[in-house]
C-alpha atoms as a PDB file:
ATOM      1  CA  UNK A   1     -74.202  13.351  21.609  1.00  0.00           C
ATOM      2  CA  UNK A   2     -71.921  14.802  19.729  1.00  0.00           C
ATOM      3  CA  UNK A   3     -68.328  16.333  21.860  1.00  0.00           C
ATOM      4  CA  UNK A   4     -67.763  19.881  20.795  1.00  0.00           C
ATOM      5  CA  UNK A   5     -63.934  20.965  20.642  1.00  0.00           C
ATOM      6  CA  UNK A   6     -62.805  24.473  21.885  1.00  0.00           C
ATOM      7  CA  UNK A   7     -62.686  26.196  18.974  1.00  0.00           C
ATOM      8  CA  UNK A   8     -66.114  25.086  17.453  1.00  0.00           C
ATOM      9  CA  UNK A   9     -67.416  27.072  21.076  1.00  0.00           C
ATOM     10  CA  UNK A  10     -65.017  30.084  20.571  1.00  0.00           C
ATOM     11  CA  UNK A  11     -66.418  30.751  17.158  1.00  0.00           C
ATOM     12  CA  UNK A  12     -69.972  30.095  18.143  1.00  0.00           C
ATOM     13  CA  UNK A  13     -69.513  32.533  21.281  1.00  0.00           C
ATOM     14  CA  UNK A  14     -66.970  35.155  19.717  1.00  0.00           C
ATOM     15  CA  UNK A  15     -68.511  35.240  16.263  1.00  0.00           C
ATOM     16  CA  UNK A  16     -65.414  36.377  14.544  1.00  0.00           C
ATOM     17  CA  UNK A  17     -65.238  34.077  11.428  1.00  0.00           C
ATOM     18  CA  UNK A  18     -67.450  34.446   8.914  1.00  0.00           C
ATOM     19  CA  UNK A  19     -67.491  30.964   7.502  1.00  0.00           C
ATOM     20  CA  UNK A  20     -66.380  29.126  10.923  1.00  0.00           C
ATOM     21  CA  UNK A  21     -68.847  30.737  13.028  1.00  0.00           C
ATOM     22  CA  UNK A  22     -71.543  30.035  10.774  1.00  0.00           C
ATOM     23  CA  UNK A  23     -70.874  27.072  10.749  1.00  0.00           C
ATOM     24  CA  UNK A  24     -70.305  26.593  14.546  1.00  0.00           C
ATOM     25  CA  UNK A  25     -73.842  28.205  15.132  1.00  0.00           C
ATOM     26  CA  UNK A  26     -75.592  26.137  12.449  1.00  0.00           C
ATOM     27  CA  UNK A  27     -74.245  22.944  14.728  1.00  0.00           C
ATOM     28  CA  UNK A  28     -74.556  24.787  18.027  1.00  0.00           C
ATOM     29  CA  UNK A  29     -78.449  25.641  17.024  1.00  0.00           C
ATOM     30  CA  UNK A  30     -79.091  21.983  15.491  1.00  0.00           C
ATOM     31  CA  UNK A  31     -78.520  20.533  18.809  1.00  0.00           C
ATOM     32  CA  UNK A  32     -81.297  19.229  20.652  1.00  0.00           C
ATOM     33  CA  UNK A  33     -82.127  17.841  24.311  1.00  0.00           C
ATOM     34  CA  UNK A  34     -82.044  14.618  22.761  1.00  0.00           C
ATOM     35  CA  UNK A  35     -79.098  15.400  20.730  1.00  0.00           C
ATOM     36  CA  UNK A  36     -76.978  17.635  22.718  1.00  0.00           C
ATOM     37  CA  UNK A  37     -73.185  18.362  22.101  1.00  0.00           C
ATOM     38  CA  UNK A  38     -71.023  17.649  25.065  1.00  0.00           C
ATOM     39  CA  UNK A  39     -68.976  20.278  26.685  1.00  0.00           C
ATOM     40  CA  UNK A  40     -65.723  18.526  28.219  1.00  0.00           C
ATOM     41  CA  UNK A  41     -64.012  20.748  31.353  1.00  0.00           C
ATOM     42  CA  UNK A  42     -61.080  20.993  29.336  1.00  0.00           C
ATOM     43  CA  UNK A  43     -63.034  22.542  26.277  1.00  0.00           C
ATOM     44  CA  UNK A  44     -64.799  25.004  28.804  1.00  0.00           C
ATOM     45  CA  UNK A  45     -61.039  26.081  30.853  1.00  0.00           C
ATOM     46  CA  UNK A  46     -59.717  26.551  27.230  1.00  0.00           C
ATOM     47  CA  UNK A  47     -62.573  28.180  25.609  1.00  0.00           C
ATOM     48  CA  UNK A  48     -62.607  30.915  28.497  1.00  0.00           C
ATOM     49  CA  UNK A  49     -59.225  31.419  28.489  1.00  0.00           C
ATOM     50  CA  UNK A  50     -58.900  32.024  24.909  1.00  0.00           C
ATOM     51  CA  UNK A  51     -62.568  34.824  24.960  1.00  0.00           C
ATOM     52  CA  UNK A  52     -61.007  36.182  28.414  1.00  0.00           C
ATOM     53  CA  UNK A  53     -57.009  36.715  26.794  1.00  0.00           C
ATOM     54  CA  UNK A  54     -57.842  37.668  22.563  1.00  0.00           C
ATOM     55  CA  UNK A  55     -61.326  38.712  23.021  1.00  0.00           C
ATOM     56  CA  UNK A  56     -61.337  40.389  26.504  1.00  0.00           C
ATOM     57  CA  UNK A  57     -64.542  38.959  27.992  1.00  0.00           C
ATOM     58  CA  UNK A  58     -64.460  40.261  31.018  1.00  0.00           C
ATOM     59  CA  UNK A  59     -66.359  38.492  34.670  1.00  0.00           C
ATOM     60  CA  UNK A  60     -69.774  39.497  34.438  1.00  0.00           C
ATOM     61  CA  UNK A  61     -69.875  37.831  30.716  1.00  0.00           C
ATOM     62  CA  UNK A  62     -68.256  35.058  31.942  1.00  0.00           C
ATOM     63  CA  UNK A  63     -70.825  34.118  34.179  1.00  0.00           C
ATOM     64  CA  UNK A  64     -73.452  34.848  32.346  1.00  0.00           C
ATOM     65  CA  UNK A  65     -71.790  32.420  29.467  1.00  0.00           C
ATOM     66  CA  UNK A  66     -71.184  29.932  31.680  1.00  0.00           C
ATOM     67  CA  UNK A  67     -74.840  29.925  33.592  1.00  0.00           C
ATOM     68  CA  UNK A  68     -76.420  30.002  30.049  1.00  0.00           C
ATOM     69  CA  UNK A  69     -74.393  26.998  29.318  1.00  0.00           C
ATOM     70  CA  UNK A  70     -75.292  25.089  32.253  1.00  0.00           C
ATOM     71  CA  UNK A  71     -78.736  26.089  32.177  1.00  0.00           C
ATOM     72  CA  UNK A  72     -79.152  24.765  28.079  1.00  0.00           C
ATOM     73  CA  UNK A  73     -80.977  21.262  27.705  1.00  0.00           C
ATOM     74  CA  UNK A  74     -79.111  21.566  23.965  1.00  0.00           C
ATOM     75  CA  UNK A  75     -75.196  21.084  25.711  1.00  0.00           C
ATOM     76  CA  UNK A  76     -74.091  18.788  28.502  1.00  0.00           C
ATOM     77  CA  UNK A  77     -71.299  20.426  29.979  1.00  0.00           C
ATOM     78  CA  UNK A  78     -68.947  17.289  32.108  1.00  0.00           C
ATOM     79  CA  UNK A  79     -69.196  17.643  35.864  1.00  0.00           C
ATOM     80  CA  UNK A  80     -71.745  19.944  35.755  1.00  0.00           C
ATOM     81  CA  UNK A  81     -72.580  20.130  39.148  1.00  0.00           C
ATOM     82  CA  UNK A  82     -68.854  20.796  39.681  1.00  0.00           C
ATOM     83  CA  UNK A  83     -68.564  23.855  37.328  1.00  0.00           C
ATOM     84  CA  UNK A  84     -72.267  25.062  39.142  1.00  0.00           C
ATOM     85  CA  UNK A  85     -70.436  25.234  42.718  1.00  0.00           C
ATOM     86  CA  UNK A  86     -67.142  26.539  40.761  1.00  0.00           C
ATOM     87  CA  UNK A  87     -69.281  29.541  38.850  1.00  0.00           C
ATOM     88  CA  UNK A  88     -70.791  30.051  42.372  1.00  0.00           C
ATOM     89  CA  UNK A  89     -67.061  30.518  44.127  1.00  0.00           C
ATOM     90  CA  UNK A  90     -66.130  32.398  40.808  1.00  0.00           C
ATOM     91  CA  UNK A  91     -69.333  34.978  41.141  1.00  0.00           C
ATOM     92  CA  UNK A  92     -68.697  35.436  45.475  1.00  0.00           C
ATOM     93  CA  UNK A  93     -65.103  35.781  44.869  1.00  0.00           C
ATOM     94  CA  UNK A  94     -62.376  37.601  43.202  1.00  0.00           C
ATOM     95  CA  UNK A  95     -60.933  34.085  41.979  1.00  0.00           C
ATOM     96  CA  UNK A  96     -59.842  32.958  38.445  1.00  0.00           C
ATOM     97  CA  UNK A  97     -62.583  30.624  37.041  1.00  0.00           C
ATOM     98  CA  UNK A  98     -60.156  28.220  36.358  1.00  0.00           C
ATOM     99  CA  UNK A  99     -58.903  28.006  40.339  1.00  0.00           C
ATOM    100  CA  UNK A 100     -62.459  27.721  41.672  1.00  0.00           C
ATOM    101  CA  UNK A 101     -62.950  24.693  39.402  1.00  0.00           C
ATOM    102  CA  UNK A 102     -59.585  23.019  40.189  1.00  0.00           C
ATOM    103  CA  UNK A 103     -60.546  23.671  43.729  1.00  0.00           C
ATOM    104  CA  UNK A 104     -63.859  22.528  43.700  1.00  0.00           C
ATOM    105  CA  UNK A 105     -62.781  19.496  41.299  1.00  0.00           C
ATOM    106  CA  UNK A 106     -60.315  18.467  43.835  1.00  0.00           C
ATOM    107  CA  UNK A 107     -62.558  18.933  46.769  1.00  0.00           C
ATOM    108  CA  UNK A 108     -65.019  16.355  44.653  1.00  0.00           C
ATOM    109  CA  UNK A 109     -62.216  14.160  44.644  1.00  0.00           C
ATOM    110  CA  UNK A 110     -61.715  13.734  48.332  1.00  0.00           C
ATOM    111  CA  UNK A 111     -59.183  15.802  49.026  1.00  0.00           C
ATOM    112  CA  UNK A 112     -58.013  17.240  51.768  1.00  0.00           C
ATOM    113  CA  UNK A 113     -56.548  20.574  50.437  1.00  0.00           C
ATOM    114  CA  UNK A 114     -54.986  21.789  47.128  1.00  0.00           C
ATOM    115  CA  UNK A 115     -51.777  22.839  47.298  1.00  0.00           C
ATOM    116  CA  UNK A 116     -50.523  26.100  44.592  1.00  0.00           C
ATOM    117  CA  UNK A 117     -47.654  28.258  44.367  1.00  0.00           C
ATOM    118  CA  UNK A 118     -50.405  30.661  43.161  1.00  0.00           C
ATOM    119  CA  UNK A 119     -50.622  33.613  45.885  1.00  0.00           C
ATOM    120  CA  UNK A 120     -54.405  34.600  44.374  1.00  0.00           C
ATOM    121  CA  UNK A 121     -55.446  31.580  44.505  1.00  0.00           C
ATOM    122  CA  UNK A 122     -54.655  30.725  47.828  1.00  0.00           C
ATOM    123  CA  UNK A 123     -56.033  34.431  48.697  1.00  0.00           C
ATOM    124  CA  UNK A 124     -59.247  33.589  46.283  1.00  0.00           C
ATOM    125  CA  UNK A 125     -59.719  30.340  45.985  1.00  0.00           C
ATOM    126  CA  UNK A 126     -59.167  28.474  48.984  1.00  0.00           C
ATOM    127  CA  UNK A 127     -55.885  26.596  48.029  1.00  0.00           C
ATOM    128  CA  UNK A 128     -52.636  26.089  50.266  1.00  0.00           C
ATOM    129  CA  UNK A 129     -49.037  27.416  49.425  1.00  0.00           C
ATOM    130  CA  UNK A 130     -46.303  24.971  49.090  1.00  0.00           C
ATOM    131  CA  UNK A 131     -43.819  25.754  50.753  1.00  0.00           C
END
């Protein structure tokens, strides 16, 4: 197993740099079920932020990308069960994926609730407002 940094994932999905994207594609396509790539939760969140903010990726595209990553045998997504629950919450709400992941991670850790100053996360991801 090898770890994959955010920039490898971004180059693979964005295909925006002829040299680095080709290297990232070759790397990811060489992964196998017996020798997969690990996508940490941190790299996943960073990658989505870059793809959304720098490349304009929309919710439907993000959902397809996440579901594809979770289904492939060549990639292991850290905390995949939590990420799957976050994908479902993201699909069925107006919340940001990152807020869904934070909420699901806190639930997994046994938190009674998750506090935030983010009004949108309160309305869409089930967090509580810190007053």
